[in-house]
Amino acid sequence: TADVAKDRITIQQLKEKMDANEEVIILDVRSKYAWESSSIKIKGAIRVDPEQVEAGTKSLPKDKLIVAYCT
């Protein structure tokens, strides 16, 4: 299994980092149905199927903040 940090970030903290042009990688890991039926799409987010998170994150840089958005 993937080594996943359990730390959480608030929406406000994420917004502050993005406003400060900090490099943040956002993964949208909602189910296909939840993603397709939602009007909320995060600009620049990488869509990763929740069943494929481990495979979908292998090529991501290890030195960047990675934030997962899920339901």
N, C-alpha and C. Protein backbone atom coordinates (compact mmCIF):
# COMPACT_ATOMS: atom_id res chain seq x y z
N THR A 1 0.83 -1.19 0.00
CA THR A 1 0.00 0.00 0.00
C THR A 1 0.87 1.24 0.00
N ALA A 2 0.30 2.32 -0.43
CA ALA A 2 1.02 3.58 -0.50
C ALA A 2 1.22 4.14 0.90
N ASP A 3 2.33 4.84 1.09
CA ASP A 3 2.60 5.51 2.35
C ASP A 3 1.92 6.87 2.29
N VAL A 4 0.75 6.99 2.88
CA VAL A 4 -0.07 8.20 2.77
C VAL A 4 -0.08 8.92 4.10
N ALA A 5 0.26 10.20 4.06
CA ALA A 5 0.23 11.02 5.27
C ALA A 5 -1.22 11.24 5.69
N LYS A 6 -1.45 11.31 6.97
CA LYS A 6 -2.80 11.50 7.49
C LYS A 6 -3.06 12.96 7.84
N ASP A 7 -2.12 13.83 7.54
CA ASP A 7 -2.29 15.25 7.83
C ASP A 7 -3.40 15.83 6.97
N ARG A 8 -4.09 16.79 7.53
CA ARG A 8 -5.17 17.45 6.80
C ARG A 8 -4.82 18.92 6.61
N ILE A 9 -5.36 19.48 5.56
CA ILE A 9 -5.19 20.90 5.27
C ILE A 9 -6.58 21.47 5.06
N THR A 10 -6.80 22.65 5.59
CA THR A 10 -8.12 23.27 5.42
C THR A 10 -8.20 23.92 4.04
N ILE A 11 -9.41 24.23 3.64
CA ILE A 11 -9.60 24.94 2.37
C ILE A 11 -8.88 26.27 2.41
N GLN A 12 -8.98 26.96 3.54
CA GLN A 12 -8.33 28.27 3.67
C GLN A 12 -6.81 28.14 3.57
N GLN A 13 -6.23 27.12 4.21
CA GLN A 13 -4.77 26.92 4.13
C GLN A 13 -4.35 26.63 2.68
N LEU A 14 -5.13 25.82 1.99
CA LEU A 14 -4.81 25.51 0.60
C LEU A 14 -4.92 26.77 -0.26
N LYS A 15 -5.96 27.55 -0.05
CA LYS A 15 -6.14 28.79 -0.81
C LYS A 15 -4.96 29.74 -0.58
N GLU A 16 -4.52 29.85 0.67
CA GLU A 16 -3.38 30.73 0.98
C GLU A 16 -2.12 30.27 0.25
N LYS A 17 -1.89 28.97 0.21
CA LYS A 17 -0.72 28.45 -0.49
C LYS A 17 -0.82 28.72 -1.99
N MET A 18 -2.00 28.52 -2.53
CA MET A 18 -2.19 28.76 -3.96
C MET A 18 -2.07 30.25 -4.28
N ASP A 19 -2.63 31.12 -3.43
CA ASP A 19 -2.53 32.57 -3.63
C ASP A 19 -1.09 33.04 -3.55
N ALA A 20 -0.27 32.34 -2.74
CA ALA A 20 1.14 32.69 -2.59
C ALA A 20 2.00 32.04 -3.68
N ASN A 21 1.33 31.40 -4.66
CA ASN A 21 2.02 30.73 -5.76
C ASN A 21 2.94 29.60 -5.30
N GLU A 22 2.61 29.00 -4.15
CA GLU A 22 3.36 27.82 -3.73
C GLU A 22 2.95 26.67 -4.63
N GLU A 23 3.91 25.83 -4.96
CA GLU A 23 3.59 24.71 -5.84
C GLU A 23 2.88 23.61 -5.05
N VAL A 24 1.64 23.40 -5.40
CA VAL A 24 0.80 22.40 -4.75
C VAL A 24 0.22 21.51 -5.84
N ILE A 25 0.27 20.22 -5.62
CA ILE A 25 -0.34 19.28 -6.55
C ILE A 25 -1.65 18.82 -5.91
N ILE A 26 -2.74 19.03 -6.63
CA ILE A 26 -4.05 18.64 -6.12
C ILE A 26 -4.53 17.43 -6.90
N LEU A 27 -4.84 16.38 -6.16
CA LEU A 27 -5.39 15.17 -6.76
C LEU A 27 -6.87 15.12 -6.45
N ASP A 28 -7.68 15.01 -7.47
CA ASP A 28 -9.12 14.85 -7.30
C ASP A 28 -9.39 13.35 -7.35
N VAL A 29 -9.63 12.75 -6.20
CA VAL A 29 -9.79 11.30 -6.12
C VAL A 29 -11.23 10.90 -5.81
N ARG A 30 -12.16 11.75 -6.22
CA ARG A 30 -13.57 11.38 -6.07
C ARG A 30 -13.91 10.26 -7.05
N SER A 31 -14.94 9.52 -6.72
CA SER A 31 -15.39 8.48 -7.64
C SER A 31 -15.80 9.11 -8.96
N LYS A 32 -15.83 8.31 -10.02
CA LYS A 32 -16.20 8.84 -11.33
C LYS A 32 -17.59 9.48 -11.27
N TYR A 33 -18.53 8.82 -10.60
CA TYR A 33 -19.88 9.36 -10.49
C TYR A 33 -19.87 10.69 -9.74
N ALA A 34 -19.17 10.75 -8.60
CA ALA A 34 -19.13 11.99 -7.81
C ALA A 34 -18.49 13.12 -8.61
N TRP A 35 -17.43 12.80 -9.34
CA TRP A 35 -16.74 13.83 -10.13
C TRP A 35 -17.63 14.32 -11.27
N GLU A 36 -18.24 13.38 -12.00
CA GLU A 36 -19.06 13.76 -13.14
C GLU A 36 -20.33 14.51 -12.74
N SER A 37 -20.89 14.17 -11.59
CA SER A 37 -22.15 14.80 -11.19
C SER A 37 -21.96 16.10 -10.42
N SER A 38 -20.72 16.46 -10.14
CA SER A 38 -20.44 17.67 -9.37
C SER A 38 -20.16 18.86 -10.29
N SER A 39 -20.61 20.02 -9.89
CA SER A 39 -20.28 21.24 -10.62
C SER A 39 -18.94 21.79 -10.15
N ILE A 40 -18.38 21.21 -9.11
CA ILE A 40 -17.10 21.67 -8.56
C ILE A 40 -15.96 20.92 -9.22
N LYS A 41 -15.13 21.66 -9.92
CA LYS A 41 -13.92 21.12 -10.52
C LYS A 41 -12.79 22.06 -10.13
N ILE A 42 -11.75 21.54 -9.54
CA ILE A 42 -10.63 22.37 -9.09
C ILE A 42 -9.67 22.59 -10.25
N LYS A 43 -9.46 23.86 -10.58
CA LYS A 43 -8.58 24.22 -11.68
C LYS A 43 -7.18 23.64 -11.44
N GLY A 44 -6.69 22.91 -12.42
CA GLY A 44 -5.34 22.36 -12.35
C GLY A 44 -5.23 21.04 -11.61
N ALA A 45 -6.33 20.56 -11.05
CA ALA A 45 -6.28 19.29 -10.31
C ALA A 45 -6.06 18.13 -11.27
N ILE A 46 -5.39 17.13 -10.77
CA ILE A 46 -5.16 15.90 -11.53
C ILE A 46 -6.22 14.90 -11.11
N ARG A 47 -7.01 14.44 -12.04
CA ARG A 47 -8.07 13.47 -11.74
C ARG A 47 -7.46 12.08 -11.67
N VAL A 48 -7.65 11.41 -10.52
CA VAL A 48 -7.14 10.05 -10.31
C VAL A 48 -8.29 9.21 -9.77
N ASP A 49 -8.56 8.10 -10.44
CA ASP A 49 -9.59 7.18 -9.98
C ASP A 49 -9.20 6.67 -8.58
N PRO A 50 -10.13 6.67 -7.62
CA PRO A 50 -9.78 6.25 -6.26
C PRO A 50 -9.24 4.82 -6.19
N GLU A 51 -9.60 3.98 -7.15
CA GLU A 51 -9.10 2.61 -7.17
C GLU A 51 -7.68 2.53 -7.74
N GLN A 52 -7.20 3.63 -8.31
CA GLN A 52 -5.89 3.65 -8.96
C GLN A 52 -4.93 4.66 -8.35
N VAL A 53 -5.18 5.06 -7.11
CA VAL A 53 -4.37 6.12 -6.49
C VAL A 53 -2.89 5.74 -6.45
N GLU A 54 -2.58 4.55 -6.01
CA GLU A 54 -1.17 4.17 -5.90
C GLU A 54 -0.47 4.24 -7.25
N ALA A 55 -1.07 3.67 -8.28
CA ALA A 55 -0.47 3.70 -9.61
C ALA A 55 -0.46 5.11 -10.18
N GLY A 56 -1.50 5.88 -9.90
CA GLY A 56 -1.62 7.22 -10.45
C GLY A 56 -0.72 8.25 -9.81
N THR A 57 -0.10 7.91 -8.70
CA THR A 57 0.75 8.88 -8.00
C THR A 57 2.23 8.53 -8.06
N LYS A 58 2.57 7.42 -8.68
CA LYS A 58 3.98 7.01 -8.71
C LYS A 58 4.90 8.02 -9.39
N SER A 59 4.40 8.72 -10.39
CA SER A 59 5.25 9.65 -11.14
C SER A 59 5.25 11.07 -10.56
N LEU A 60 4.51 11.29 -9.49
CA LEU A 60 4.46 12.63 -8.91
C LEU A 60 5.72 12.92 -8.11
N PRO A 61 6.15 14.18 -8.09
CA PRO A 61 7.35 14.54 -7.33
C PRO A 61 7.14 14.31 -5.83
N LYS A 62 8.17 13.83 -5.18
CA LYS A 62 8.08 13.52 -3.74
C LYS A 62 8.35 14.74 -2.88
N ASP A 63 8.86 15.82 -3.48
CA ASP A 63 9.24 17.00 -2.71
C ASP A 63 8.21 18.12 -2.78
N LYS A 64 7.02 17.82 -3.26
CA LYS A 64 5.95 18.83 -3.37
C LYS A 64 4.80 18.45 -2.44
N LEU A 65 4.05 19.45 -2.03
CA LEU A 65 2.86 19.21 -1.24
C LEU A 65 1.80 18.63 -2.16
N ILE A 66 1.28 17.47 -1.80
CA ILE A 66 0.23 16.82 -2.57
C ILE A 66 -1.02 16.78 -1.71
N VAL A 67 -2.10 17.35 -2.24
CA VAL A 67 -3.36 17.43 -1.51
C VAL A 67 -4.38 16.58 -2.27
N ALA A 68 -5.01 15.66 -1.57
CA ALA A 68 -6.06 14.84 -2.17
C ALA A 68 -7.42 15.41 -1.82
N TYR A 69 -8.24 15.58 -2.84
CA TYR A 69 -9.62 16.05 -2.66
C TYR A 69 -10.54 14.87 -2.90
N CYS A 70 -11.34 14.56 -1.89
CA CYS A 70 -12.23 13.41 -2.01
C CYS A 70 -13.55 13.70 -1.30
N THR A 71 -14.50 12.78 -1.44
CA THR A 71 -15.78 12.95 -0.77
C THR A 71 -15.87 12.01 0.40
